Amino acid sequence: MTGRSAPGAGDGAGDEAGEGLWCRDLDVDRGGVRVVHGLDLDVPPGQWLGLVGPNGAGKTTFLHAVGGLLAFAGHVRVAGADPARTGERALARLVALMPQRPVVPEGTSVRELVGLGRTPHVPRFGVTGPHDDAVVERCLERLCLEHVADRPATQLSGGELQRVVLARALAQEPRVLLLDEPTSALDIGHQQTVLDLVDDLRREAGLTVLAAMHDLTLAAQYADRLVLLEAGRVAADGPPAAVLDPVVLHRVYGARVEVLPAGSGPAVVPLRTGAGFVAHPRPRAGDRL
């Protein structure tokens, strides 16, 4: 399977998405099975889009396709480039992916692992310079990793390694940041630290963020918009308060939940069996109360 450029698109400029993301009729297969089906999506520059949905809904597959790691059929433009026609190094200067299960070379220190994020910016057969070193140190500092910078990355806890992998992605200085379960191994304090940092960078640099997250409350607190995937298709798309409807979540997840207003977005609270859950649909405009 190969990606097809948008009609009239060149090698990276003047596309419909600008510096964000644009895709039409996106199909992605894995192991001969269609995982993403005909996805249409527009993400303007600077938006934080939360991808939510049950296990197997296609969130990771979608991120890997737009990040250039999986072949696809359809039209995709991300950060002004077609991932199917852009070289790996050139794409890595535009798009960074924080994977859910990172591969860490044995014997690599934390500083060296973060430094790999500068690779796309270093000329072939060249060496890093003062600016590259400064970017790495700044990423280590912002993610509170200075105290483990010289330790082998393979000796870190899961939460520490997760922050290192995010630091590596940020060291790429991308225009689009793809996060696959960025807080799954973090305690609540580090969850807030990491997500606040990403949000700060988004606002400072106009970074576009696509984050696949299982924690619906965290996704709602940080994302401007949620896309709920079900079996590789969009089940709901809109502001968090609109997407996180108890009826929709019950249908898609098979979960009994209550959705409460909290902070900067809704909070999703699981209900025990026998807690009196009733899936009442929300009133729509024009309905009589």
C-alpha atoms as a PDB file:
ATOM      1  CA  MET A   1       0.000   0.000   0.000  1.00  0.00           C
ATOM      2  CA  THR A   2       1.297   3.472  -0.786  1.00  0.00           C
ATOM      3  CA  GLY A   3       0.186   6.942   0.118  1.00  0.00           C
ATOM      4  CA  ARG A   4      -1.168   9.226  -2.588  1.00  0.00           C
ATOM      5  CA  SER A   5      -0.578  12.958  -2.581  1.00  0.00           C
ATOM      6  CA  ALA A   6      -3.436  15.406  -2.448  1.00  0.00           C
ATOM      7  CA  PRO A   7      -4.444  16.598  -5.909  1.00  0.00           C
ATOM      8  CA  GLY A   8      -2.097  19.305  -7.077  1.00  0.00           C
ATOM      9  CA  ALA A   9       0.158  18.965  -4.042  1.00  0.00           C
ATOM     10  CA  GLY A  10       3.887  19.327  -4.420  1.00  0.00           C
ATOM     11  CA  ASP A  11       6.642  18.094  -2.138  1.00  0.00           C
ATOM     12  CA  GLY A  12       5.592  19.970   0.981  1.00  0.00           C
ATOM     13  CA  ALA A  13       4.289  23.484   0.428  1.00  0.00           C
ATOM     14  CA  GLY A  14       0.877  24.966  -0.240  1.00  0.00           C
ATOM     15  CA  ASP A  15      -1.181  22.038   1.024  1.00  0.00           C
ATOM     16  CA  GLU A  16      -4.643  22.278   2.535  1.00  0.00           C
ATOM     17  CA  ALA A  17      -3.448  21.696   6.101  1.00  0.00           C
ATOM     18  CA  GLY A  18      -0.684  24.314   6.196  1.00  0.00           C
ATOM     19  CA  GLU A  19       1.441  23.342   9.173  1.00  0.00           C
ATOM     20  CA  GLY A  20      -1.212  21.118  10.780  1.00  0.00           C
ATOM     21  CA  LEU A  21      -2.688  17.844   9.545  1.00  0.00           C
ATOM     22  CA  TRP A  22      -5.022  17.064   6.670  1.00  0.00           C
ATOM     23  CA  CYS A  23      -6.115  13.635   5.515  1.00  0.00           C
ATOM     24  CA  ARG A  24      -8.778  12.280   3.209  1.00  0.00           C
ATOM     25  CA  ASP A  25      -9.912   8.680   2.604  1.00  0.00           C
ATOM     26  CA  LEU A  26      -7.111   7.366   4.819  1.00  0.00           C
ATOM     27  CA  ASP A  27      -6.962   3.561   4.940  1.00  0.00           C
ATOM     28  CA  VAL A  28      -4.281   1.707   6.881  1.00  0.00           C
ATOM     29  CA  ASP A  29      -3.750  -2.056   7.037  1.00  0.00           C
ATOM     30  CA  ARG A  30      -1.701  -4.044   9.541  1.00  0.00           C
ATOM     31  CA  GLY A  31      -0.981  -7.723   8.966  1.00  0.00           C
ATOM     32  CA  GLY A  32      -3.427  -7.795   6.089  1.00  0.00           C
ATOM     33  CA  VAL A  33      -6.271  -6.413   8.229  1.00  0.00           C
ATOM     34  CA  ARG A  34      -7.845  -3.003   7.622  1.00  0.00           C
ATOM     35  CA  VAL A  35      -7.416  -1.031  10.883  1.00  0.00           C
ATOM     36  CA  VAL A  36      -8.227   2.528   9.772  1.00  0.00           C
ATOM     37  CA  HIS A  37     -11.127   2.999   7.361  1.00  0.00           C
ATOM     38  CA  GLY A  38     -11.581   6.033   5.116  1.00  0.00           C
ATOM     39  CA  LEU A  39     -10.600   8.598   7.743  1.00  0.00           C
ATOM     40  CA  ASP A  40     -11.133  12.293   6.968  1.00  0.00           C
ATOM     41  CA  LEU A  41      -9.554  14.753   9.378  1.00  0.00           C
ATOM     42  CA  ASP A  42      -8.547  18.421   9.498  1.00  0.00           C
ATOM     43  CA  VAL A  43      -6.333  19.630  12.361  1.00  0.00           C
ATOM     44  CA  PRO A  44      -5.375  23.312  12.116  1.00  0.00           C
ATOM     45  CA  PRO A  45      -1.916  24.467  13.194  1.00  0.00           C
ATOM     46  CA  GLY A  46      -1.541  24.911  16.941  1.00  0.00           C
ATOM     47  CA  GLN A  47      -4.488  22.722  17.910  1.00  0.00           C
ATOM     48  CA  TRP A  48      -4.278  19.930  20.504  1.00  0.00           C
ATOM     49  CA  LEU A  49      -6.291  16.990  19.195  1.00  0.00           C
ATOM     50  CA  GLY A  50      -6.956  14.126  21.585  1.00  0.00           C
ATOM     51  CA  LEU A  51      -7.446  10.692  20.015  1.00  0.00           C
ATOM     52  CA  VAL A  52      -9.535   8.469  22.258  1.00  0.00           C
ATOM     53  CA  GLY A  53     -11.208   5.114  21.859  1.00  0.00           C
ATOM     54  CA  PRO A  54     -11.055   1.540  23.147  1.00  0.00           C
ATOM     55  CA  ASN A  55      -8.136  -0.831  22.627  1.00  0.00           C
ATOM     56  CA  GLY A  56      -7.821  -1.743  18.957  1.00  0.00           C
ATOM     57  CA  ALA A  57      -9.711   1.331  17.746  1.00  0.00           C
ATOM     58  CA  GLY A  58      -6.817   2.384  15.477  1.00  0.00           C
ATOM     59  CA  LYS A  59      -5.260   5.249  17.448  1.00  0.00           C
ATOM     60  CA  THR A  60      -1.653   4.022  17.321  1.00  0.00           C
ATOM     61  CA  THR A  61      -2.002   2.858  13.722  1.00  0.00           C
ATOM     62  CA  PHE A  62      -3.240   6.286  12.695  1.00  0.00           C
ATOM     63  CA  LEU A  63      -0.336   8.051  14.420  1.00  0.00           C
ATOM     64  CA  HIS A  64       2.206   5.698  12.852  1.00  0.00           C
ATOM     65  CA  ALA A  65       0.746   6.270   9.385  1.00  0.00           C
ATOM     66  CA  VAL A  66       0.807  10.076   9.537  1.00  0.00           C
ATOM     67  CA  GLY A  67       4.260   9.867  11.146  1.00  0.00           C
ATOM     68  CA  GLY A  68       5.613   7.997   8.134  1.00  0.00           C
ATOM     69  CA  LEU A  69       6.095   4.626   9.864  1.00  0.00           C
ATOM     70  CA  LEU A  70       3.295   2.730   8.112  1.00  0.00           C
ATOM     71  CA  ALA A  71       2.189   2.575   4.504  1.00  0.00           C
ATOM     72  CA  PHE A  72      -1.288   3.896   3.801  1.00  0.00           C
ATOM     73  CA  ALA A  73      -3.786   4.542   1.030  1.00  0.00           C
ATOM     74  CA  GLY A  74      -5.372   7.960   0.711  1.00  0.00           C
ATOM     75  CA  HIS A  75      -4.218  11.548   0.947  1.00  0.00           C
ATOM     76  CA  VAL A  76      -2.207  12.883   3.904  1.00  0.00           C
ATOM     77  CA  ARG A  77      -0.414  16.144   4.528  1.00  0.00           C
ATOM     78  CA  VAL A  78       1.288  16.691   7.883  1.00  0.00           C
ATOM     79  CA  ALA A  79       3.291  19.815   8.720  1.00  0.00           C
ATOM     80  CA  GLY A  80       3.164  20.717   5.044  1.00  0.00           C
ATOM     81  CA  ALA A  81       4.565  17.379   3.827  1.00  0.00           C
ATOM     82  CA  ASP A  82       3.324  14.132   2.335  1.00  0.00           C
ATOM     83  CA  PRO A  83       4.761  11.396   4.610  1.00  0.00           C
ATOM     84  CA  ALA A  84       4.745   8.919   1.721  1.00  0.00           C
ATOM     85  CA  ARG A  85       6.915  11.157  -0.479  1.00  0.00           C
ATOM     86  CA  THR A  86       9.145  12.901   2.058  1.00  0.00           C
ATOM     87  CA  GLY A  87      12.501  11.470   3.080  1.00  0.00           C
ATOM     88  CA  GLU A  88      12.882  10.128   6.599  1.00  0.00           C
ATOM     89  CA  ARG A  89      15.284  12.847   7.766  1.00  0.00           C
ATOM     90  CA  ALA A  90      13.257  15.660   6.204  1.00  0.00           C
ATOM     91  CA  LEU A  91      10.036  14.361   7.753  1.00  0.00           C
ATOM     92  CA  ALA A  92      11.736  14.020  11.161  1.00  0.00           C
ATOM     93  CA  ARG A  93      12.540  17.746  11.080  1.00  0.00           C
ATOM     94  CA  LEU A  94       8.797  18.403  10.879  1.00  0.00           C
ATOM     95  CA  VAL A  95       7.112  15.584  12.794  1.00  0.00           C
ATOM     96  CA  ALA A  96       8.145  13.838  16.007  1.00  0.00           C
ATOM     97  CA  LEU A  97       6.544  10.711  17.450  1.00  0.00           C
ATOM     98  CA  MET A  98       6.692   9.669  21.090  1.00  0.00           C
ATOM     99  CA  PRO A  99       5.985   5.914  20.826  1.00  0.00           C
ATOM    100  CA  GLN A 100       4.124   3.887  23.399  1.00  0.00           C
ATOM    101  CA  ARG A 101       6.833   1.191  23.462  1.00  0.00           C
ATOM    102  CA  PRO A 102      10.206   2.811  22.747  1.00  0.00           C
ATOM    103  CA  VAL A 103      13.238   0.830  21.633  1.00  0.00           C
ATOM    104  CA  VAL A 104      16.305   1.811  23.664  1.00  0.00           C
ATOM    105  CA  PRO A 105      19.787   0.822  22.412  1.00  0.00           C
ATOM    106  CA  GLU A 106      21.750  -1.029  25.094  1.00  0.00           C
ATOM    107  CA  GLY A 107      24.375   1.117  26.804  1.00  0.00           C
ATOM    108  CA  THR A 108      22.910   4.447  25.638  1.00  0.00           C
ATOM    109  CA  SER A 109      22.895   7.161  28.283  1.00  0.00           C
ATOM    110  CA  VAL A 110      19.890   9.397  28.849  1.00  0.00           C
ATOM    111  CA  ARG A 111      21.736  12.385  27.392  1.00  0.00           C
ATOM    112  CA  GLU A 112      22.737  10.386  24.321  1.00  0.00           C
ATOM    113  CA  LEU A 113      19.182   9.118  23.833  1.00  0.00           C
ATOM    114  CA  VAL A 114      17.762  12.638  24.001  1.00  0.00           C
ATOM    115  CA  GLY A 115      20.552  13.755  21.674  1.00  0.00           C
ATOM    116  CA  LEU A 116      19.277  11.357  19.004  1.00  0.00           C
ATOM    117  CA  GLY A 117      16.447  13.830  18.547  1.00  0.00           C
ATOM    118  CA  ARG A 118      18.946  16.214  16.951  1.00  0.00           C
ATOM    119  CA  THR A 119      19.970  13.677  14.271  1.00  0.00           C
ATOM    120  CA  PRO A 120      17.624  15.046  11.557  1.00  0.00           C
ATOM    121  CA  HIS A 121      19.169  18.514  11.982  1.00  0.00           C
ATOM    122  CA  VAL A 122      22.802  17.388  11.723  1.00  0.00           C
ATOM    123  CA  PRO A 123      24.311  17.138   8.214  1.00  0.00           C
ATOM    124  CA  ARG A 124      25.145  13.632   7.063  1.00  0.00           C
ATOM    125  CA  PHE A 125      28.584  12.634   8.353  1.00  0.00           C
ATOM    126  CA  GLY A 126      28.520  15.819  10.463  1.00  0.00           C
ATOM    127  CA  VAL A 127      28.643  16.304  14.213  1.00  0.00           C
ATOM    128  CA  THR A 128      26.401  18.120  16.640  1.00  0.00           C
ATOM    129  CA  GLY A 129      27.192  21.718  17.418  1.00  0.00           C
ATOM    130  CA  PRO A 130      26.663  24.102  20.346  1.00  0.00           C
ATOM    131  CA  HIS A 131      23.041  24.767  19.382  1.00  0.00           C
ATOM    132  CA  ASP A 132      22.248  21.041  19.326  1.00  0.00           C
ATOM    133  CA  ASP A 133      23.877  20.548  22.723  1.00  0.00           C
ATOM    134  CA  ALA A 134      21.930  23.503  24.135  1.00  0.00           C
ATOM    135  CA  VAL A 135      18.628  22.070  22.863  1.00  0.00           C
ATOM    136  CA  VAL A 136      19.378  18.718  24.508  1.00  0.00           C
ATOM    137  CA  GLU A 137      20.272  20.308  27.839  1.00  0.00           C
ATOM    138  CA  ARG A 138      17.149  22.453  27.738  1.00  0.00           C
ATOM    139  CA  CYS A 139      14.956  19.393  27.121  1.00  0.00           C
ATOM    140  CA  LEU A 140      16.632  17.508  29.985  1.00  0.00           C
ATOM    141  CA  GLU A 141      16.029  20.466  32.287  1.00  0.00           C
ATOM    142  CA  ARG A 142      12.398  21.040  31.309  1.00  0.00           C
ATOM    143  CA  LEU A 143      11.564  17.387  31.938  1.00  0.00           C
ATOM    144  CA  CYS A 144      13.527  17.278  35.223  1.00  0.00           C
ATOM    145  CA  LEU A 145      16.009  14.697  33.927  1.00  0.00           C
ATOM    146  CA  GLU A 146      19.331  16.371  34.739  1.00  0.00           C
ATOM    147  CA  HIS A 147      19.972  14.037  37.681  1.00  0.00           C
ATOM    148  CA  VAL A 148      19.782  10.922  35.468  1.00  0.00           C
ATOM    149  CA  ALA A 149      21.394  12.407  32.338  1.00  0.00           C
ATOM    150  CA  ASP A 150      24.510  10.215  32.544  1.00  0.00           C
ATOM    151  CA  ARG A 151      22.764   6.993  33.578  1.00  0.00           C
ATOM    152  CA  PRO A 152      22.087   4.186  31.061  1.00  0.00           C
ATOM    153  CA  ALA A 153      18.553   4.696  29.785  1.00  0.00           C
ATOM    154  CA  THR A 154      17.823   0.969  30.188  1.00  0.00           C
ATOM    155  CA  GLN A 155      18.226   1.311  33.971  1.00  0.00           C
ATOM    156  CA  LEU A 156      15.424   3.849  34.366  1.00  0.00           C
ATOM    157  CA  SER A 157      11.947   3.248  35.700  1.00  0.00           C
ATOM    158  CA  GLY A 158       9.103   3.172  33.195  1.00  0.00           C
ATOM    159  CA  GLY A 159       8.006   6.679  34.129  1.00  0.00           C
ATOM    160  CA  GLU A 160      11.521   8.106  33.858  1.00  0.00           C
ATOM    161  CA  LEU A 161      12.034   6.464  30.464  1.00  0.00           C
ATOM    162  CA  GLN A 162       8.741   7.875  29.255  1.00  0.00           C
ATOM    163  CA  ARG A 163       9.944  11.381  30.048  1.00  0.00           C
ATOM    164  CA  VAL A 164      13.269  10.695  28.300  1.00  0.00           C
ATOM    165  CA  VAL A 165      11.480   9.569  25.147  1.00  0.00           C
ATOM    166  CA  LEU A 166       9.349  12.716  25.211  1.00  0.00           C
ATOM    167  CA  ALA A 167      12.524  14.785  25.666  1.00  0.00           C
ATOM    168  CA  ARG A 168      13.997  13.093  22.582  1.00  0.00           C
ATOM    169  CA  ALA A 169      10.878  13.970  20.566  1.00  0.00           C
ATOM    170  CA  LEU A 170      10.960  17.587  21.753  1.00  0.00           C
ATOM    171  CA  ALA A 171      14.676  17.801  20.889  1.00  0.00           C
ATOM    172  CA  GLN A 172      13.655  17.335  17.242  1.00  0.00           C
ATOM    173  CA  GLU A 173      11.977  20.769  17.466  1.00  0.00           C
ATOM    174  CA  PRO A 174       9.051  19.511  15.372  1.00  0.00           C
ATOM    175  CA  ARG A 175       6.060  21.396  14.049  1.00  0.00           C
ATOM    176  CA  VAL A 176       3.728  18.468  14.728  1.00  0.00           C
ATOM    177  CA  LEU A 177       4.078  16.294  17.833  1.00  0.00           C
ATOM    178  CA  LEU A 178       2.507  12.822  17.880  1.00  0.00           C
ATOM    179  CA  LEU A 179       2.071  11.356  21.370  1.00  0.00           C
ATOM    180  CA  ASP A 180       1.064   7.724  21.877  1.00  0.00           C
ATOM    181  CA  GLU A 181      -0.099   7.276  25.485  1.00  0.00           C
ATOM    182  CA  PRO A 182       2.341   9.904  26.822  1.00  0.00           C
ATOM    183  CA  THR A 183       1.343   9.502  30.494  1.00  0.00           C
ATOM    184  CA  SER A 184       0.589   5.777  30.830  1.00  0.00           C
ATOM    185  CA  ALA A 185       3.571   5.064  33.125  1.00  0.00           C
ATOM    186  CA  LEU A 186       3.606   8.365  35.025  1.00  0.00           C
ATOM    187  CA  ASP A 187       2.319   9.226  38.484  1.00  0.00           C
ATOM    188  CA  ILE A 188      -0.236  12.032  38.700  1.00  0.00           C
ATOM    189  CA  GLY A 189       2.377  14.699  39.450  1.00  0.00           C
ATOM    190  CA  HIS A 190       4.520  13.823  36.456  1.00  0.00           C
ATOM    191  CA  GLN A 191       1.414  13.480  34.283  1.00  0.00           C
ATOM    192  CA  GLN A 192       0.601  17.099  34.990  1.00  0.00           C
ATOM    193  CA  THR A 193       4.221  18.189  34.537  1.00  0.00           C
ATOM    194  CA  VAL A 194       4.523  16.502  31.127  1.00  0.00           C
ATOM    195  CA  LEU A 195       1.167  17.638  29.781  1.00  0.00           C
ATOM    196  CA  ASP A 196       1.642  21.199  31.063  1.00  0.00           C
ATOM    197  CA  LEU A 197       5.036  21.299  29.329  1.00  0.00           C
ATOM    198  CA  VAL A 198       3.561  20.101  26.030  1.00  0.00           C
ATOM    199  CA  ASP A 199       0.779  22.668  26.341  1.00  0.00           C
ATOM    200  CA  ASP A 200       3.281  25.453  27.087  1.00  0.00           C
ATOM    201  CA  LEU A 201       5.354  24.516  24.026  1.00  0.00           C
ATOM    202  CA  ARG A 202       2.216  24.380  21.906  1.00  0.00           C
ATOM    203  CA  ARG A 203       1.324  27.918  22.900  1.00  0.00           C
ATOM    204  CA  GLU A 204       4.885  29.257  22.645  1.00  0.00           C
ATOM    205  CA  ALA A 205       5.773  27.755  19.273  1.00  0.00           C
ATOM    206  CA  GLY A 206       2.405  27.049  17.638  1.00  0.00           C
ATOM    207  CA  LEU A 207       3.070  23.320  17.951  1.00  0.00           C
ATOM    208  CA  THR A 208       0.305  21.048  16.647  1.00  0.00           C
ATOM    209  CA  VAL A 209      -0.303  18.120  19.021  1.00  0.00           C
ATOM    210  CA  LEU A 210      -2.040  14.807  18.328  1.00  0.00           C
ATOM    211  CA  ALA A 211      -2.193  12.676  21.456  1.00  0.00           C
ATOM    212  CA  ALA A 212      -3.666   9.187  21.762  1.00  0.00           C
ATOM    213  CA  MET A 213      -4.825   8.824  25.367  1.00  0.00           C
ATOM    214  CA  HIS A 214      -6.808   6.255  27.351  1.00  0.00           C
ATOM    215  CA  ASP A 215      -7.448   8.582  30.292  1.00  0.00           C
ATOM    216  CA  LEU A 216     -10.544  10.419  29.090  1.00  0.00           C
ATOM    217  CA  THR A 217     -10.454  12.983  31.883  1.00  0.00           C
ATOM    218  CA  LEU A 218      -6.841  13.955  31.165  1.00  0.00           C
ATOM    219  CA  ALA A 219      -7.587  14.097  27.449  1.00  0.00           C
ATOM    220  CA  ALA A 220     -10.530  16.401  28.105  1.00  0.00           C
ATOM    221  CA  GLN A 221      -8.516  18.679  30.405  1.00  0.00           C
ATOM    222  CA  TYR A 222      -5.768  19.338  27.839  1.00  0.00           C
ATOM    223  CA  ALA A 223      -7.163  18.784  24.336  1.00  0.00           C
ATOM    224  CA  ASP A 224      -9.027  21.500  22.452  1.00  0.00           C
ATOM    225  CA  ARG A 225     -10.873  18.780  20.582  1.00  0.00           C
ATOM    226  CA  LEU A 226     -11.447  15.049  20.841  1.00  0.00           C
ATOM    227  CA  VAL A 227     -11.850  12.474  18.104  1.00  0.00           C
ATOM    228  CA  LEU A 228     -13.392   9.233  19.346  1.00  0.00           C
ATOM    229  CA  LEU A 229     -12.386   6.269  17.199  1.00  0.00           C
ATOM    230  CA  GLU A 230     -14.373   3.044  17.020  1.00  0.00           C
ATOM    231  CA  ALA A 231     -13.053   0.173  14.881  1.00  0.00           C
ATOM    232  CA  GLY A 232     -10.970   2.572  12.802  1.00  0.00           C
ATOM    233  CA  ARG A 233     -13.777   5.031  12.111  1.00  0.00           C
ATOM    234  CA  VAL A 234     -14.764   8.352  13.689  1.00  0.00           C
ATOM    235  CA  ALA A 235     -17.571   7.812  16.184  1.00  0.00           C
ATOM    236  CA  ALA A 236     -17.576  11.396  17.487  1.00  0.00           C
ATOM    237  CA  ASP A 237     -15.588  14.570  16.834  1.00  0.00           C
ATOM    238  CA  GLY A 238     -15.820  17.873  18.660  1.00  0.00           C
ATOM    239  CA  PRO A 239     -15.172  19.700  21.930  1.00  0.00           C
ATOM    240  CA  PRO A 240     -14.534  17.355  24.880  1.00  0.00           C
ATOM    241  CA  ALA A 241     -17.863  18.213  26.544  1.00  0.00           C
ATOM    242  CA  ALA A 242     -19.719  17.165  23.389  1.00  0.00           C
ATOM    243  CA  VAL A 243     -17.758  13.967  22.678  1.00  0.00           C
ATOM    244  CA  LEU A 244     -17.722  12.622  26.239  1.00  0.00           C
ATOM    245  CA  ASP A 245     -21.396  11.772  26.399  1.00  0.00           C
ATOM    246  CA  PRO A 246     -22.317   8.889  28.770  1.00  0.00           C
ATOM    247  CA  VAL A 247     -24.549   7.311  26.118  1.00  0.00           C
ATOM    248  CA  VAL A 248     -21.825   7.397  23.464  1.00  0.00           C
ATOM    249  CA  LEU A 249     -19.168   6.118  25.872  1.00  0.00           C
ATOM    250  CA  HIS A 250     -21.460   3.291  26.987  1.00  0.00           C
ATOM    251  CA  ARG A 251     -21.995   2.258  23.371  1.00  0.00           C
ATOM    252  CA  VAL A 252     -18.351   2.517  22.275  1.00  0.00           C
ATOM    253  CA  TYR A 253     -16.573   1.283  25.429  1.00  0.00           C
ATOM    254  CA  GLY A 254     -19.324  -0.773  27.054  1.00  0.00           C
ATOM    255  CA  ALA A 255     -18.596   1.310  30.165  1.00  0.00           C
ATOM    256  CA  ARG A 256     -20.899   2.761  32.797  1.00  0.00           C
ATOM    257  CA  VAL A 257     -19.716   6.290  33.510  1.00  0.00           C
ATOM    258  CA  GLU A 258     -20.832   9.631  34.798  1.00  0.00           C
ATOM    259  CA  VAL A 259     -19.490  12.782  33.166  1.00  0.00           C
ATOM    260  CA  LEU A 260     -19.065  15.760  35.489  1.00  0.00           C
ATOM    261  CA  PRO A 261     -17.899  19.340  34.869  1.00  0.00           C
ATOM    262  CA  ALA A 262     -14.415  19.862  36.324  1.00  0.00           C
ATOM    263  CA  GLY A 263     -11.669  22.430  35.851  1.00  0.00           C
ATOM    264  CA  SER A 264     -11.003  23.157  32.196  1.00  0.00           C
ATOM    265  CA  GLY A 265     -12.957  20.152  30.912  1.00  0.00           C
ATOM    266  CA  PRO A 266     -15.290  17.316  31.865  1.00  0.00           C
ATOM    267  CA  ALA A 267     -14.286  14.482  34.199  1.00  0.00           C
ATOM    268  CA  VAL A 268     -15.282  10.903  33.396  1.00  0.00           C
ATOM    269  CA  VAL A 269     -16.064   8.862  36.511  1.00  0.00           C
ATOM    270  CA  PRO A 270     -16.561   5.066  36.272  1.00  0.00           C
ATOM    271  CA  LEU A 271     -19.612   3.700  38.098  1.00  0.00           C
ATOM    272  CA  ARG A 272     -19.674   0.396  39.929  1.00  0.00           C
ATOM    273  CA  THR A 273     -22.070  -2.346  38.954  1.00  0.00           C
ATOM    274  CA  GLY A 274     -25.365  -1.669  40.673  1.00  0.00           C
ATOM    275  CA  ALA A 275     -24.609   2.033  41.123  1.00  0.00           C
ATOM    276  CA  GLY A 276     -27.796   2.977  39.343  1.00  0.00           C
ATOM    277  CA  PHE A 277     -26.326   3.869  35.938  1.00  0.00           C
ATOM    278  CA  VAL A 278     -28.917   4.960  33.415  1.00  0.00           C
ATOM    279  CA  ALA A 279     -27.746   6.013  29.950  1.00  0.00           C
ATOM    280  CA  HIS A 280     -29.942   9.058  29.410  1.00  0.00           C
ATOM    281  CA  PRO A 281     -29.192  10.892  26.172  1.00  0.00           C
ATOM    282  CA  ARG A 282     -28.425  14.583  26.483  1.00  0.00           C
ATOM    283  CA  PRO A 283     -31.142  16.957  25.256  1.00  0.00           C
ATOM    284  CA  ARG A 284     -30.498  18.314  21.807  1.00  0.00           C
ATOM    285  CA  ALA A 285     -31.218  21.785  20.481  1.00  0.00           C
ATOM    286  CA  GLY A 286     -34.947  22.066  19.866  1.00  0.00           C
ATOM    287  CA  ASP A 287     -35.879  19.241  22.240  1.00  0.00           C
ATOM    288  CA  ARG A 288     -38.562  20.032  24.767  1.00  0.00           C
ATOM    289  CA  LEU A 289     -37.465  19.665  28.369  1.00  0.00           C
END
